[in-house]
Amino acid sequence: MSQYSEFEFRKQPWFDAAWFDRSNFQGFSRFIPMKTIVVHCFDPRASEIPQAVADYFGDEVYPGENILDEAGNRIGNTRTLFAVSNAGGRALSALQSVATMDYLFKVQNVVVVHHSFCGATAFEPEDLVDDFHHHHHADISTLFDHDSLAISNFEDSIKHDVRLLRDSAAVPANVKLYGFFYEINSGKLTEVVRDIPA
């Protein structure tokens, strides 16, 4: 037993394994009503992206408030939108998070946002791979999808990421997909593409 076992959900006296019974799955949505995932760059200049997306949709709660039990324990949150950040805000790196969040919350929307003046627009994929090899003597050329390493054209990269999500088995077919461009100086969010299942 780990010294941190007391902090695991499944070891709490109030935890009900029936929440994860496949015949009547409830997951964690009773504690956090999450319905939308926003994939964006971890650049701190783009930190307002989740709020901009929440404002765009109008019915999202972000950042939300913690819900406490009688003892003051944080047992939930009112947030409906979760942010997943990574280099360039690329969809490929977010697939595991999308699959996990869908299992726990039954995701309704996945939103990809790329932002102006992103560092991923400063280089070509081959430059990153070659430089890594030169400095670290390691070959990463086959580890990553080169189309997801850099951004050479915002519209193309946003459409590529939405298409990648739609084509992935990690994203349920009923999930609505959106791709946006965010201008970090003005805060303007522009929809570039959407893929809404019929």
Protein backbone atom coordinates (compact mmCIF):
# COMPACT_ATOMS: atom_id res chain seq x y z
CA MET A 1 0.00 0.00 0.00
CA SER A 2 1.31 3.43 -0.97
CA GLN A 3 1.63 6.23 1.55
CA TYR A 4 -0.81 8.12 -0.69
CA SER A 5 -3.47 5.39 -0.92
CA GLU A 6 -5.76 7.32 1.41
CA PHE A 7 -6.14 9.91 -1.36
CA GLU A 8 -7.47 7.52 -4.03
CA PHE A 9 -11.12 7.88 -4.99
CA ARG A 10 -11.84 4.18 -4.91
CA LYS A 11 -10.59 3.93 -1.30
CA GLN A 12 -12.95 6.57 0.09
CA PRO A 13 -15.83 5.38 2.30
CA TRP A 14 -18.32 7.33 0.20
CA PHE A 15 -17.05 5.95 -3.13
CA ASP A 16 -19.61 3.84 -4.95
CA ALA A 17 -18.22 1.36 -7.51
CA ALA A 18 -21.66 1.37 -9.16
CA TRP A 19 -20.76 4.77 -10.62
CA PHE A 20 -18.48 2.86 -12.98
CA ASP A 21 -20.85 -0.02 -13.71
CA ARG A 22 -21.01 -0.18 -17.51
CA SER A 23 -24.75 -0.92 -17.48
CA ASN A 24 -25.53 2.37 -15.70
CA PHE A 25 -22.35 4.41 -16.03
CA GLN A 26 -22.28 7.74 -14.21
CA GLY A 27 -18.55 8.43 -13.91
CA PHE A 28 -17.65 11.73 -12.29
CA SER A 29 -20.25 13.89 -14.03
CA ARG A 30 -22.27 13.99 -10.82
CA PHE A 31 -19.34 15.87 -9.22
CA ILE A 32 -18.09 17.92 -12.17
CA PRO A 33 -20.49 18.57 -15.09
CA MET A 34 -17.69 18.67 -17.66
CA LYS A 35 -18.79 18.60 -21.28
CA THR A 36 -16.11 20.42 -23.28
CA ILE A 37 -12.35 19.96 -23.65
CA VAL A 38 -10.26 22.83 -24.98
CA VAL A 39 -6.88 21.86 -26.41
CA HIS A 40 -4.53 24.84 -26.54
CA CYS A 41 -0.88 25.82 -26.33
CA PHE A 42 0.82 26.04 -22.95
CA ASP A 43 2.29 29.42 -23.89
CA PRO A 44 1.39 31.66 -20.91
CA ARG A 45 0.43 34.44 -23.33
CA ALA A 46 -2.44 32.22 -24.46
CA SER A 47 -3.77 31.45 -20.98
CA GLU A 48 -7.07 33.25 -21.65
CA ILE A 49 -8.07 30.78 -24.38
CA PRO A 50 -10.33 28.58 -22.19
CA GLN A 51 -12.27 31.64 -20.99
CA ALA A 52 -12.56 32.92 -24.57
CA VAL A 53 -14.02 29.57 -25.66
CA ALA A 54 -16.43 29.55 -22.69
CA ASP A 55 -17.59 33.04 -23.66
CA TYR A 56 -17.94 32.04 -27.33
CA PHE A 57 -20.23 29.10 -26.53
CA GLY A 58 -22.12 31.07 -23.88
CA ASP A 59 -23.33 28.10 -21.84
CA GLU A 60 -19.98 26.99 -20.42
CA VAL A 61 -18.81 27.56 -16.84
CA TYR A 62 -15.15 28.50 -16.54
CA PRO A 63 -13.24 28.64 -14.29
CA GLY A 64 -16.02 27.45 -11.99
CA GLU A 65 -16.09 27.04 -8.22
CA ASN A 66 -15.20 24.15 -5.94
CA ILE A 67 -18.04 22.31 -4.23
CA LEU A 68 -17.29 21.38 -0.62
CA ASP A 69 -18.82 18.74 1.62
CA GLU A 70 -19.73 19.35 5.27
CA ALA A 71 -16.14 18.66 6.34
CA GLY A 72 -14.71 21.17 3.85
CA ASN A 73 -13.39 18.56 1.41
CA ARG A 74 -13.38 19.48 -2.27
CA ILE A 75 -15.78 16.95 -3.76
CA GLY A 76 -16.67 18.64 -7.03
CA ASN A 77 -16.59 21.75 -9.18
CA THR A 78 -19.09 23.71 -11.26
CA ARG A 79 -16.72 23.92 -14.25
CA THR A 80 -18.04 22.52 -17.53
CA LEU A 81 -14.93 23.19 -19.62
CA PHE A 82 -11.52 21.56 -19.10
CA ALA A 83 -8.29 22.84 -20.61
CA VAL A 84 -5.62 20.53 -22.00
CA SER A 85 -2.44 22.39 -22.85
CA ASN A 86 0.61 21.21 -24.77
CA ALA A 87 3.20 22.47 -27.24
CA GLY A 88 1.38 24.28 -30.03
CA GLY A 89 -2.04 23.17 -28.79
CA ARG A 90 -1.82 20.15 -31.06
CA ALA A 91 -4.55 17.51 -31.06
CA LEU A 92 -2.25 14.50 -31.37
CA SER A 93 -0.74 15.14 -27.94
CA ALA A 94 -4.22 15.50 -26.42
CA LEU A 95 -5.75 12.19 -27.59
CA GLN A 96 -5.12 10.31 -24.33
CA SER A 97 -6.73 13.14 -22.36
CA VAL A 98 -9.75 13.14 -24.66
CA ALA A 99 -10.23 9.37 -24.29
CA THR A 100 -9.82 9.51 -20.50
CA MET A 101 -12.12 12.51 -20.07
CA ASP A 102 -14.75 10.87 -22.25
CA TYR A 103 -14.62 7.77 -20.05
CA LEU A 104 -15.01 9.82 -16.88
CA PHE A 105 -17.39 12.54 -18.10
CA LYS A 106 -18.91 11.65 -21.51
CA VAL A 107 -17.43 14.53 -23.49
CA GLN A 108 -19.75 16.46 -25.82
CA ASN A 109 -17.30 18.89 -27.46
CA VAL A 110 -13.59 18.99 -28.23
CA VAL A 111 -12.17 22.36 -29.23
CA VAL A 112 -8.70 22.90 -30.73
CA VAL A 113 -7.28 26.43 -30.56
CA HIS A 114 -4.04 27.63 -32.15
CA HIS A 115 -2.83 31.14 -31.31
CA SER A 116 -1.00 34.00 -32.97
CA PHE A 117 2.76 34.29 -32.57
CA CYS A 118 3.00 30.69 -31.37
CA GLY A 119 6.53 29.36 -30.99
CA ALA A 120 5.50 26.37 -33.12
CA THR A 121 5.41 28.74 -36.13
CA ALA A 122 9.11 29.60 -35.72
CA PHE A 123 10.60 26.34 -37.03
CA GLU A 124 10.12 23.41 -39.37
CA PRO A 125 9.68 19.88 -37.93
CA GLU A 126 13.01 18.76 -39.39
CA ASP A 127 14.78 21.63 -37.61
CA LEU A 128 13.51 20.44 -34.24
CA VAL A 129 14.43 16.81 -34.96
CA ASP A 130 17.91 17.69 -36.26
CA ASP A 131 18.65 20.09 -33.41
CA PHE A 132 17.54 17.55 -30.82
CA HIS A 133 19.84 14.96 -32.39
CA HIS A 134 22.73 17.41 -32.49
CA HIS A 135 22.39 18.48 -28.84
CA HIS A 136 21.25 15.24 -27.21
CA HIS A 137 22.60 12.57 -29.58
CA ALA A 138 19.17 10.96 -29.76
CA ASP A 139 17.09 10.21 -32.83
CA ILE A 140 13.48 11.34 -32.36
CA SER A 141 12.68 11.38 -36.08
CA THR A 142 10.19 8.50 -35.84
CA LEU A 143 8.69 9.32 -32.43
CA PHE A 144 6.32 12.05 -33.54
CA ASP A 145 3.98 12.85 -36.42
CA HIS A 146 5.91 15.59 -38.22
CA ASP A 147 2.66 17.28 -39.30
CA SER A 148 1.93 17.87 -35.60
CA LEU A 149 5.36 19.14 -34.52
CA ALA A 150 5.19 22.63 -36.01
CA ILE A 151 2.68 25.05 -37.49
CA SER A 152 3.45 26.35 -40.98
CA ASN A 153 -0.08 27.58 -41.77
CA PHE A 154 -2.71 28.22 -39.10
CA GLU A 155 -5.76 27.27 -41.16
CA ASP A 156 -4.11 24.07 -42.35
CA SER A 157 -2.91 23.08 -38.87
CA ILE A 158 -6.31 23.72 -37.28
CA LYS A 159 -8.12 21.74 -39.98
CA HIS A 160 -5.49 18.98 -39.72
CA ASP A 161 -6.04 18.69 -35.97
CA VAL A 162 -9.84 18.58 -36.24
CA ARG A 163 -9.55 15.92 -38.96
CA LEU A 164 -7.06 13.97 -36.82
CA LEU A 165 -9.54 14.01 -33.92
CA ARG A 166 -12.42 12.88 -36.12
CA ASP A 167 -10.36 10.04 -37.58
CA SER A 168 -9.10 8.83 -34.20
CA ALA A 169 -10.65 5.88 -32.40
CA ALA A 170 -9.96 7.80 -29.15
CA VAL A 171 -12.68 10.33 -30.01
CA PRO A 172 -16.28 9.05 -29.95
CA ALA A 173 -18.18 9.57 -33.20
CA ASN A 174 -20.89 11.65 -31.48
CA VAL A 175 -18.47 14.31 -30.17
CA LYS A 176 -18.71 17.77 -31.76
CA LEU A 177 -15.36 19.14 -32.94
CA TYR A 178 -14.35 22.77 -33.36
CA GLY A 179 -11.18 24.51 -34.50
CA PHE A 180 -10.38 28.13 -33.63
CA PHE A 181 -7.68 30.74 -34.12
CA TYR A 182 -6.96 33.03 -31.16
CA GLU A 183 -5.21 36.39 -31.56
CA ILE A 184 -3.33 36.88 -28.29
CA ASN A 185 -3.10 40.69 -28.43
CA SER A 186 -6.75 41.44 -29.13
CA GLY A 187 -8.23 38.33 -27.50
CA LYS A 188 -10.27 37.69 -30.65
CA LEU A 189 -11.37 34.08 -31.14
CA THR A 190 -12.27 33.08 -34.71
CA GLU A 191 -13.93 29.82 -35.67
CA VAL A 192 -12.05 28.17 -38.55
CA VAL A 193 -13.75 24.79 -38.81
CA ARG A 194 -16.41 22.68 -37.15
CA ASP A 195 -17.32 19.03 -37.50
CA ILE A 196 -20.76 18.31 -36.06
CA PRO A 197 -22.03 14.73 -36.43
CA ALA A 198 -25.40 14.40 -38.14
